[in-house]
Amino acid sequence: EMNLLPKVKAEIAVCAVPVDKVVAAAKAALYTGNYGDGKMFIYDIENIIKIRTGEEGYNALHDSAEWEKA
């Protein structure tokens, strides 16, 4: 008998928050001690480019004040 669990994939890019703090928060929120708690893959990102504005790097991760007004 198989017991299939639903899957969720989340991708997060961080640059202003230390990665170890993000990992610790995710582990604390997701841990149940049961099968299906999941896995985290951590890797370096060479660059981020926001297509709409052409912004790169740190600025591409943050929305401008115009977005907050909408």
C-alpha atoms as a PDB file:
ATOM      1  CA  GLU A   1       0.000   0.000   0.000  1.00  0.00           C
ATOM      2  CA  MET A   2       1.308   3.443  -0.943  1.00  0.00           C
ATOM      3  CA  ASN A   3       0.653   6.683   0.859  1.00  0.00           C
ATOM      4  CA  LEU A   4       1.280   9.587  -1.533  1.00  0.00           C
ATOM      5  CA  LEU A   5       1.786  13.004   0.006  1.00  0.00           C
ATOM      6  CA  PRO A   6       1.001  16.329  -1.695  1.00  0.00           C
ATOM      7  CA  LYS A   7       4.075  18.282  -2.781  1.00  0.00           C
ATOM      8  CA  VAL A   8       4.799  21.986  -2.671  1.00  0.00           C
ATOM      9  CA  LYS A   9       7.817  23.654  -4.251  1.00  0.00           C
ATOM     10  CA  ALA A  10       8.966  27.056  -3.039  1.00  0.00           C
ATOM     11  CA  GLU A  11      11.911  28.938  -4.471  1.00  0.00           C
ATOM     12  CA  ILE A  12      13.348  31.795  -2.452  1.00  0.00           C
ATOM     13  CA  ALA A  13      16.212  34.135  -3.330  1.00  0.00           C
ATOM     14  CA  VAL A  14      17.685  36.147  -0.471  1.00  0.00           C
ATOM     15  CA  CYS A  15      20.471  38.690  -0.381  1.00  0.00           C
ATOM     16  CA  ALA A  16      19.735  41.081   2.489  1.00  0.00           C
ATOM     17  CA  VAL A  17      18.959  38.367   5.070  1.00  0.00           C
ATOM     18  CA  PRO A  18      21.610  35.823   6.087  1.00  0.00           C
ATOM     19  CA  VAL A  19      20.867  32.437   4.526  1.00  0.00           C
ATOM     20  CA  ASP A  20      21.328  30.617   7.843  1.00  0.00           C
ATOM     21  CA  LYS A  21      18.479  32.658   9.372  1.00  0.00           C
ATOM     22  CA  VAL A  22      16.166  31.790   6.471  1.00  0.00           C
ATOM     23  CA  VAL A  23      17.088  28.109   6.810  1.00  0.00           C
ATOM     24  CA  ALA A  24      16.502  28.141  10.573  1.00  0.00           C
ATOM     25  CA  ALA A  25      13.085  29.791  10.156  1.00  0.00           C
ATOM     26  CA  ALA A  26      12.052  27.344   7.441  1.00  0.00           C
ATOM     27  CA  LYS A  27      13.169  24.333   9.487  1.00  0.00           C
ATOM     28  CA  ALA A  28      11.268  25.572  12.538  1.00  0.00           C
ATOM     29  CA  ALA A  29       8.093  26.177  10.521  1.00  0.00           C
ATOM     30  CA  LEU A  30       8.178  22.976   8.454  1.00  0.00           C
ATOM     31  CA  TYR A  31       9.444  20.349  10.896  1.00  0.00           C
ATOM     32  CA  THR A  32       6.909  17.701  11.947  1.00  0.00           C
ATOM     33  CA  GLY A  33       9.267  14.761  12.437  1.00  0.00           C
ATOM     34  CA  ASN A  34       7.278  12.715   9.930  1.00  0.00           C
ATOM     35  CA  TYR A  35       7.939  11.562   6.386  1.00  0.00           C
ATOM     36  CA  GLY A  36       7.253  14.365   3.948  1.00  0.00           C
ATOM     37  CA  ASP A  37       8.882  17.205   5.897  1.00  0.00           C
ATOM     38  CA  GLY A  38      10.830  17.864   2.706  1.00  0.00           C
ATOM     39  CA  LYS A  39      14.311  18.935   1.715  1.00  0.00           C
ATOM     40  CA  MET A  40      16.064  22.244   1.156  1.00  0.00           C
ATOM     41  CA  PHE A  41      18.584  22.800  -1.604  1.00  0.00           C
ATOM     42  CA  ILE A  42      20.877  25.791  -1.118  1.00  0.00           C
ATOM     43  CA  TYR A  43      23.003  27.140  -3.939  1.00  0.00           C
ATOM     44  CA  ASP A  44      24.572  30.370  -5.127  1.00  0.00           C
ATOM     45  CA  ILE A  45      22.804  32.502  -7.707  1.00  0.00           C
ATOM     46  CA  GLU A  46      25.106  34.312 -10.095  1.00  0.00           C
ATOM     47  CA  ASN A  47      22.693  37.124 -10.937  1.00  0.00           C
ATOM     48  CA  ILE A  48      19.016  38.071 -10.943  1.00  0.00           C
ATOM     49  CA  ILE A  49      17.511  40.162 -13.720  1.00  0.00           C
ATOM     50  CA  LYS A  50      14.039  41.694 -13.552  1.00  0.00           C
ATOM     51  CA  ILE A  51      12.852  41.568 -17.158  1.00  0.00           C
ATOM     52  CA  ARG A  52      10.273  44.384 -16.868  1.00  0.00           C
ATOM     53  CA  THR A  53      12.725  47.010 -15.577  1.00  0.00           C
ATOM     54  CA  GLY A  54      16.138  45.642 -16.505  1.00  0.00           C
ATOM     55  CA  GLU A  55      17.271  45.876 -12.863  1.00  0.00           C
ATOM     56  CA  GLU A  56      19.893  43.395 -11.766  1.00  0.00           C
ATOM     57  CA  GLY A  57      21.192  41.938  -8.526  1.00  0.00           C
ATOM     58  CA  TYR A  58      19.895  43.294  -5.220  1.00  0.00           C
ATOM     59  CA  ASN A  59      17.599  45.848  -6.889  1.00  0.00           C
ATOM     60  CA  ALA A  60      15.885  43.156  -8.970  1.00  0.00           C
ATOM     61  CA  LEU A  61      14.675  41.435  -5.793  1.00  0.00           C
ATOM     62  CA  HIS A  62      12.860  44.466  -4.438  1.00  0.00           C
ATOM     63  CA  ASP A  63       9.744  46.083  -5.828  1.00  0.00           C
ATOM     64  CA  SER A  64       9.678  49.821  -6.240  1.00  0.00           C
ATOM     65  CA  ALA A  65       7.346  52.181  -4.351  1.00  0.00           C
ATOM     66  CA  GLU A  66       5.072  52.261  -7.440  1.00  0.00           C
ATOM     67  CA  TRP A  67       4.157  48.608  -6.899  1.00  0.00           C
ATOM     68  CA  GLU A  68       3.231  49.260  -3.261  1.00  0.00           C
ATOM     69  CA  LYS A  69       0.760  51.993  -4.336  1.00  0.00           C
ATOM     70  CA  ALA A  70      -1.159  49.621  -6.657  1.00  0.00           C
END
